[in-house]
């Protein structure tokens, strides 16, 4: 193969030079464009993820709102239950334990005393509750015995009954019932105030009060 010979003089030959500034500018531009592309890709992915999260949170919020709307009726029922419990609690704590008072009277009654009448009146527990006396709570007793000392003994014993206050003798003298007058029977009349001895926060005997729902 023939060898090529450059016949152009050396002084006339054009030398190839490298433009370093332009090369640096091109490289920098490529880096900037690549950075912008990478940033756009990352921000686009982040934006897509945030949109998906927004859709998910919106759906969850709607579901929670639906659940809250469904549970709202139970909140109303709970409010009604508390109101009814308050009424029942007041009535329960305000009631006078009549049976306990009568039982206590029977325990302190002397053998030589017999009653002709016994009237015990109490007010509606819904009107006034909680361990205080009321003008409508009263006890009146009429009966007979043999001596005034026996009447005094009965008064002292009645004053020991828990639930009775202000025990007073209103009259004493002639027999009240049908008795043999030859035995010297003495009649008497006693009046007392009946007190509710229960604490105001007495627990209800049931754990729940039923409330009808819609």
C-alpha atoms as a PDB file:
ATOM      1  CA  UNK A   1       0.000   0.000   0.000  1.00  0.00           C
ATOM      2  CA  UNK A   2       1.349   3.380  -0.969  1.00  0.00           C
ATOM      3  CA  UNK A   3       2.187   5.766   1.834  1.00  0.00           C
ATOM      4  CA  UNK A   4       0.490   9.136   1.842  1.00  0.00           C
ATOM      5  CA  UNK A   5       2.680  12.158   2.022  1.00  0.00           C
ATOM      6  CA  UNK A   6       1.386  15.596   3.137  1.00  0.00           C
ATOM      7  CA  UNK A   7       2.934  18.005   0.690  1.00  0.00           C
ATOM      8  CA  UNK A   8       1.549  21.117   2.536  1.00  0.00           C
ATOM      9  CA  UNK A   9       4.303  22.984   4.260  1.00  0.00           C
ATOM     10  CA  UNK A  10       4.392  22.697   7.985  1.00  0.00           C
ATOM     11  CA  UNK A  11       3.974  26.412   8.459  1.00  0.00           C
ATOM     12  CA  UNK A  12       0.796  26.378   6.394  1.00  0.00           C
ATOM     13  CA  UNK A  13      -0.913  23.555   8.187  1.00  0.00           C
ATOM     14  CA  UNK A  14      -4.030  24.532  10.398  1.00  0.00           C
ATOM     15  CA  UNK A  15      -3.672  23.374  13.959  1.00  0.00           C
ATOM     16  CA  UNK A  16      -6.726  22.062  15.855  1.00  0.00           C
ATOM     17  CA  UNK A  17      -7.340  23.917  19.165  1.00  0.00           C
ATOM     18  CA  UNK A  18      -9.755  23.091  22.032  1.00  0.00           C
ATOM     19  CA  UNK A  19     -12.158  25.812  23.285  1.00  0.00           C
ATOM     20  CA  UNK A  20     -12.001  25.074  27.021  1.00  0.00           C
ATOM     21  CA  UNK A  21     -14.523  27.782  28.012  1.00  0.00           C
ATOM     22  CA  UNK A  22     -17.171  26.508  25.637  1.00  0.00           C
ATOM     23  CA  UNK A  23     -16.574  22.945  26.743  1.00  0.00           C
ATOM     24  CA  UNK A  24     -17.025  23.946  30.395  1.00  0.00           C
ATOM     25  CA  UNK A  25     -20.207  25.826  29.555  1.00  0.00           C
ATOM     26  CA  UNK A  26     -21.646  22.818  27.717  1.00  0.00           C
ATOM     27  CA  UNK A  27     -20.738  20.459  30.561  1.00  0.00           C
ATOM     28  CA  UNK A  28     -22.288  22.849  33.106  1.00  0.00           C
ATOM     29  CA  UNK A  29     -25.436  23.162  31.027  1.00  0.00           C
ATOM     30  CA  UNK A  30     -25.720  19.394  30.808  1.00  0.00           C
ATOM     31  CA  UNK A  31     -25.326  19.106  34.588  1.00  0.00           C
ATOM     32  CA  UNK A  32     -27.954  21.811  35.207  1.00  0.00           C
ATOM     33  CA  UNK A  33     -30.413  20.196  32.808  1.00  0.00           C
ATOM     34  CA  UNK A  34     -29.823  16.815  34.411  1.00  0.00           C
ATOM     35  CA  UNK A  35     -30.322  18.312  37.883  1.00  0.00           C
ATOM     36  CA  UNK A  36     -33.532  20.011  36.802  1.00  0.00           C
ATOM     37  CA  UNK A  37     -34.805  16.797  35.301  1.00  0.00           C
ATOM     38  CA  UNK A  38     -33.945  14.807  38.414  1.00  0.00           C
ATOM     39  CA  UNK A  39     -35.562  17.446  40.658  1.00  0.00           C
ATOM     40  CA  UNK A  40     -38.676  17.520  38.501  1.00  0.00           C
ATOM     41  CA  UNK A  41     -38.896  13.732  38.644  1.00  0.00           C
ATOM     42  CA  UNK A  42     -38.525  13.674  42.429  1.00  0.00           C
ATOM     43  CA  UNK A  43     -40.976  16.524  43.019  1.00  0.00           C
ATOM     44  CA  UNK A  44     -43.455  14.943  40.627  1.00  0.00           C
ATOM     45  CA  UNK A  45     -43.271  11.659  42.536  1.00  0.00           C
ATOM     46  CA  UNK A  46     -43.682  13.517  45.845  1.00  0.00           C
ATOM     47  CA  UNK A  47     -46.678  15.408  44.469  1.00  0.00           C
ATOM     48  CA  UNK A  48     -48.270  12.174  43.269  1.00  0.00           C
ATOM     49  CA  UNK A  49     -47.726  10.564  46.681  1.00  0.00           C
ATOM     50  CA  UNK A  50     -49.255  13.586  48.435  1.00  0.00           C
ATOM     51  CA  UNK A  51     -52.284  13.448  46.154  1.00  0.00           C
ATOM     52  CA  UNK A  52     -52.752   9.759  46.903  1.00  0.00           C
ATOM     53  CA  UNK A  53     -52.458  10.486  50.632  1.00  0.00           C
ATOM     54  CA  UNK A  54     -54.992  13.294  50.290  1.00  0.00           C
ATOM     55  CA  UNK A  55     -57.455  10.942  48.614  1.00  0.00           C
ATOM     56  CA  UNK A  56     -56.893   8.327  51.340  1.00  0.00           C
ATOM     57  CA  UNK A  57     -57.308  10.847  54.162  1.00  0.00           C
ATOM     58  CA  UNK A  58     -60.438  12.240  52.518  1.00  0.00           C
ATOM     59  CA  UNK A  59     -61.973   8.784  52.353  1.00  0.00           C
ATOM     60  CA  UNK A  60     -61.024   8.076  55.973  1.00  0.00           C
ATOM     61  CA  UNK A  61     -62.516  11.406  57.050  1.00  0.00           C
ATOM     62  CA  UNK A  62     -65.773  10.616  55.285  1.00  0.00           C
ATOM     63  CA  UNK A  63     -65.893   7.183  56.913  1.00  0.00           C
ATOM     64  CA  UNK A  64     -65.247   8.703  60.356  1.00  0.00           C
ATOM     65  CA  UNK A  65     -67.949  11.312  59.796  1.00  0.00           C
ATOM     66  CA  UNK A  66     -70.365   8.525  58.881  1.00  0.00           C
ATOM     67  CA  UNK A  67     -69.423   6.615  62.044  1.00  0.00           C
ATOM     68  CA  UNK A  68     -69.784   9.734  64.202  1.00  0.00           C
ATOM     69  CA  UNK A  69     -73.218  10.389  62.729  1.00  0.00           C
ATOM     70  CA  UNK A  70     -74.202   6.819  63.539  1.00  0.00           C
ATOM     71  CA  UNK A  71     -72.878   7.068  67.110  1.00  0.00           C
ATOM     72  CA  UNK A  72     -74.530  10.431  67.799  1.00  0.00           C
ATOM     73  CA  UNK A  73     -77.814   8.708  68.658  1.00  0.00           C
ATOM     74  CA  UNK A  74     -76.034   6.706  71.350  1.00  0.00           C
ATOM     75  CA  UNK A  75     -74.711   9.921  72.839  1.00  0.00           C
ATOM     76  CA  UNK A  76     -78.271  11.223  73.016  1.00  0.00           C
ATOM     77  CA  UNK A  77     -79.364   7.975  74.642  1.00  0.00           C
ATOM     78  CA  UNK A  78     -76.571   8.298  77.196  1.00  0.00           C
ATOM     79  CA  UNK A  79     -77.731  11.824  78.033  1.00  0.00           C
ATOM     80  CA  UNK A  80     -81.282  10.580  78.517  1.00  0.00           C
ATOM     81  CA  UNK A  81     -80.007   7.714  80.673  1.00  0.00           C
ATOM     82  CA  UNK A  82     -78.107  10.097  82.928  1.00  0.00           C
ATOM     83  CA  UNK A  83     -81.158  12.324  83.343  1.00  0.00           C
ATOM     84  CA  UNK A  84     -83.374   9.362  84.246  1.00  0.00           C
ATOM     85  CA  UNK A  85     -80.732   8.010  86.621  1.00  0.00           C
ATOM     86  CA  UNK A  86     -80.624  11.413  88.318  1.00  0.00           C
ATOM     87  CA  UNK A  87     -84.392  11.376  88.825  1.00  0.00           C
ATOM     88  CA  UNK A  88     -84.354   7.796  90.092  1.00  0.00           C
ATOM     89  CA  UNK A  89     -81.366   8.526  92.329  1.00  0.00           C
ATOM     90  CA  UNK A  90     -83.156  11.495  93.896  1.00  0.00           C
ATOM     91  CA  UNK A  91     -86.330   9.493  94.479  1.00  0.00           C
ATOM     92  CA  UNK A  92     -84.416   6.533  95.878  1.00  0.00           C
ATOM     93  CA  UNK A  93     -82.336   8.642  98.241  1.00  0.00           C
ATOM     94  CA  UNK A  94     -85.338  10.752  99.239  1.00  0.00           C
ATOM     95  CA  UNK A  95     -87.608   7.872 100.223  1.00  0.00           C
ATOM     96  CA  UNK A  96     -88.285   7.307 103.904  1.00  0.00           C
ATOM     97  CA  UNK A  97     -87.635   3.780 105.145  1.00  0.00           C
ATOM     98  CA  UNK A  98     -91.073   3.330 106.700  1.00  0.00           C
ATOM     99  CA  UNK A  99     -90.660  -0.400 107.234  1.00  0.00           C
ATOM    100  CA  UNK A 100     -87.432   0.132 109.183  1.00  0.00           C
ATOM    101  CA  UNK A 101     -89.060   2.773 111.405  1.00  0.00           C
ATOM    102  CA  UNK A 102     -92.058   0.569 112.178  1.00  0.00           C
ATOM    103  CA  UNK A 103     -89.777  -2.365 112.895  1.00  0.00           C
ATOM    104  CA  UNK A 104     -87.738  -0.244 115.319  1.00  0.00           C
ATOM    105  CA  UNK A 105     -90.914   0.938 117.070  1.00  0.00           C
ATOM    106  CA  UNK A 106     -92.015  -2.651 117.552  1.00  0.00           C
ATOM    107  CA  UNK A 107     -88.673  -3.443 119.198  1.00  0.00           C
ATOM    108  CA  UNK A 108     -88.850  -0.606 121.743  1.00  0.00           C
ATOM    109  CA  UNK A 109     -92.565  -0.987 122.577  1.00  0.00           C
ATOM    110  CA  UNK A 110     -93.017  -2.049 126.228  1.00  0.00           C
ATOM    111  CA  UNK A 111     -95.153  -5.091 126.986  1.00  0.00           C
ATOM    112  CA  UNK A 112     -97.585  -3.072 129.093  1.00  0.00           C
ATOM    113  CA  UNK A 113     -98.381  -0.552 126.329  1.00  0.00           C
ATOM    114  CA  UNK A 114    -100.806  -1.130 123.484  1.00  0.00           C
ATOM    115  CA  UNK A 115    -101.660   1.158 120.598  1.00  0.00           C
ATOM    116  CA  UNK A 116    -105.107   2.188 119.519  1.00  0.00           C
ATOM    117  CA  UNK A 117    -104.002   4.032 116.361  1.00  0.00           C
ATOM    118  CA  UNK A 118    -100.712   4.589 114.555  1.00  0.00           C
ATOM    119  CA  UNK A 119    -100.526   6.953 111.604  1.00  0.00           C
ATOM    120  CA  UNK A 120     -97.272   7.478 109.685  1.00  0.00           C
ATOM    121  CA  UNK A 121     -97.224   9.947 106.790  1.00  0.00           C
ATOM    122  CA  UNK A 122     -94.308  10.732 104.465  1.00  0.00           C
ATOM    123  CA  UNK A 123     -93.970  13.113 101.533  1.00  0.00           C
ATOM    124  CA  UNK A 124     -93.289  12.221  97.924  1.00  0.00           C
ATOM    125  CA  UNK A 125     -89.551  11.366  97.685  1.00  0.00           C
ATOM    126  CA  UNK A 126     -89.392  13.297  94.423  1.00  0.00           C
ATOM    127  CA  UNK A 127     -90.210  16.552  96.196  1.00  0.00           C
ATOM    128  CA  UNK A 128     -87.416  16.533  98.739  1.00  0.00           C
ATOM    129  CA  UNK A 129     -84.528  14.115  99.044  1.00  0.00           C
ATOM    130  CA  UNK A 130     -81.487  13.549 101.116  1.00  0.00           C
ATOM    131  CA  UNK A 131     -81.453  13.296 104.878  1.00  0.00           C
ATOM    132  CA  UNK A 132     -83.528  16.317 105.916  1.00  0.00           C
ATOM    133  CA  UNK A 133     -86.819  16.585 107.755  1.00  0.00           C
ATOM    134  CA  UNK A 134     -90.005  17.633 106.017  1.00  0.00           C
ATOM    135  CA  UNK A 135     -93.246  19.067 107.369  1.00  0.00           C
ATOM    136  CA  UNK A 136     -95.212  16.262 105.696  1.00  0.00           C
ATOM    137  CA  UNK A 137     -93.303  13.494 107.481  1.00  0.00           C
ATOM    138  CA  UNK A 138     -95.038  12.770 110.758  1.00  0.00           C
ATOM    139  CA  UNK A 139     -95.969   9.990 113.137  1.00  0.00           C
ATOM    140  CA  UNK A 140     -98.971  10.064 115.490  1.00  0.00           C
ATOM    141  CA  UNK A 141     -99.719   7.363 118.037  1.00  0.00           C
ATOM    142  CA  UNK A 142    -102.601   6.937 120.444  1.00  0.00           C
ATOM    143  CA  UNK A 143    -102.792   4.140 122.960  1.00  0.00           C
ATOM    144  CA  UNK A 144    -103.199   3.035 126.534  1.00  0.00           C
ATOM    145  CA  UNK A 145    -101.085   1.846 129.430  1.00  0.00           C
ATOM    146  CA  UNK A 146    -101.387   1.541 133.181  1.00  0.00           C
ATOM    147  CA  UNK A 147     -99.396   4.456 134.573  1.00  0.00           C
ATOM    148  CA  UNK A 148     -97.957   7.790 133.507  1.00  0.00           C
ATOM    149  CA  UNK A 149     -94.511   6.336 134.272  1.00  0.00           C
ATOM    150  CA  UNK A 150     -95.167   3.792 131.515  1.00  0.00           C
ATOM    151  CA  UNK A 151     -96.031   6.651 129.141  1.00  0.00           C
ATOM    152  CA  UNK A 152     -92.770   8.402 130.039  1.00  0.00           C
ATOM    153  CA  UNK A 153     -90.841   5.185 129.447  1.00  0.00           C
ATOM    154  CA  UNK A 154     -92.447   4.851 126.005  1.00  0.00           C
ATOM    155  CA  UNK A 155     -91.445   8.437 125.144  1.00  0.00           C
ATOM    156  CA  UNK A 156     -87.830   7.761 126.096  1.00  0.00           C
ATOM    157  CA  UNK A 157     -87.737   4.595 124.033  1.00  0.00           C
ATOM    158  CA  UNK A 158     -89.277   6.273 120.983  1.00  0.00           C
ATOM    159  CA  UNK A 159     -86.586   8.962 121.160  1.00  0.00           C
ATOM    160  CA  UNK A 160     -84.021   6.202 120.608  1.00  0.00           C
ATOM    161  CA  UNK A 161     -85.578   5.168 117.294  1.00  0.00           C
ATOM    162  CA  UNK A 162     -83.408   6.207 114.382  1.00  0.00           C
ATOM    163  CA  UNK A 163     -85.647   8.127 112.003  1.00  0.00           C
ATOM    164  CA  UNK A 164     -87.839   9.789 114.652  1.00  0.00           C
ATOM    165  CA  UNK A 165     -87.222  13.303 115.924  1.00  0.00           C
ATOM    166  CA  UNK A 166     -89.003  15.791 118.160  1.00  0.00           C
ATOM    167  CA  UNK A 167     -90.984  13.075 119.966  1.00  0.00           C
ATOM    168  CA  UNK A 168     -93.610  14.810 122.120  1.00  0.00           C
ATOM    169  CA  UNK A 169     -96.519  13.827 124.341  1.00  0.00           C
ATOM    170  CA  UNK A 170     -99.558  15.745 123.090  1.00  0.00           C
ATOM    171  CA  UNK A 171    -102.067  14.438 125.630  1.00  0.00           C
ATOM    172  CA  UNK A 172    -102.420  11.981 128.516  1.00  0.00           C
ATOM    173  CA  UNK A 173    -105.388  11.054 130.680  1.00  0.00           C
ATOM    174  CA  UNK A 174    -108.527   9.142 129.811  1.00  0.00           C
ATOM    175  CA  UNK A 175    -108.220   5.795 128.038  1.00  0.00           C
ATOM    176  CA  UNK A 176    -108.321   5.878 124.261  1.00  0.00           C
ATOM    177  CA  UNK A 177    -109.418   2.353 123.443  1.00  0.00           C
ATOM    178  CA  UNK A 178    -112.134   0.117 124.887  1.00  0.00           C
ATOM    179  CA  UNK A 179    -110.645  -1.007 128.189  1.00  0.00           C
ATOM    180  CA  UNK A 180    -111.716  -2.010 131.681  1.00  0.00           C
ATOM    181  CA  UNK A 181    -111.894   1.292 133.562  1.00  0.00           C
ATOM    182  CA  UNK A 182    -111.535  -0.512 136.880  1.00  0.00           C
ATOM    183  CA  UNK A 183    -107.856  -1.234 136.115  1.00  0.00           C
ATOM    184  CA  UNK A 184    -106.882   2.447 136.081  1.00  0.00           C
ATOM    185  CA  UNK A 185    -105.818   2.526 132.424  1.00  0.00           C
ATOM    186  CA  UNK A 186    -104.256   5.761 131.173  1.00  0.00           C
ATOM    187  CA  UNK A 187    -104.574   6.966 127.626  1.00  0.00           C
ATOM    188  CA  UNK A 188    -101.968   8.964 125.718  1.00  0.00           C
ATOM    189  CA  UNK A 189    -101.255  10.620 122.368  1.00  0.00           C
ATOM    190  CA  UNK A 190     -97.750  11.047 120.979  1.00  0.00           C
ATOM    191  CA  UNK A 191     -96.522  12.936 117.943  1.00  0.00           C
ATOM    192  CA  UNK A 192     -93.089  12.818 116.252  1.00  0.00           C
ATOM    193  CA  UNK A 193     -91.377  13.982 113.096  1.00  0.00           C
ATOM    194  CA  UNK A 194     -90.193  11.331 110.679  1.00  0.00           C
ATOM    195  CA  UNK A 195     -86.714  11.832 109.212  1.00  0.00           C
ATOM    196  CA  UNK A 196     -85.107  10.350 106.138  1.00  0.00           C
ATOM    197  CA  UNK A 197     -81.889   8.836 107.469  1.00  0.00           C
ATOM    198  CA  UNK A 198     -80.475   7.804 104.094  1.00  0.00           C
ATOM    199  CA  UNK A 199     -77.465   9.655 102.680  1.00  0.00           C
ATOM    200  CA  UNK A 200     -78.135  11.717  99.586  1.00  0.00           C
ATOM    201  CA  UNK A 201     -75.729   9.621  97.484  1.00  0.00           C
ATOM    202  CA  UNK A 202     -77.258   6.243  98.304  1.00  0.00           C
ATOM    203  CA  UNK A 203     -76.338   3.858  95.477  1.00  0.00           C
ATOM    204  CA  UNK A 204     -79.136   2.530  93.350  1.00  0.00           C
ATOM    205  CA  UNK A 205     -79.977  -1.164  93.797  1.00  0.00           C
ATOM    206  CA  UNK A 206     -79.604  -1.669  90.035  1.00  0.00           C
ATOM    207  CA  UNK A 207     -76.522  -1.027  87.946  1.00  0.00           C
ATOM    208  CA  UNK A 208     -78.341   0.343  84.902  1.00  0.00           C
ATOM    209  CA  UNK A 209     -81.520   2.196  84.057  1.00  0.00           C
ATOM    210  CA  UNK A 210     -83.018   1.134  80.738  1.00  0.00           C
ATOM    211  CA  UNK A 211     -83.722   3.896  78.239  1.00  0.00           C
ATOM    212  CA  UNK A 212     -85.748   3.224  75.120  1.00  0.00           C
ATOM    213  CA  UNK A 213     -84.003   4.294  71.949  1.00  0.00           C
ATOM    214  CA  UNK A 214     -85.463   5.701  68.763  1.00  0.00           C
END
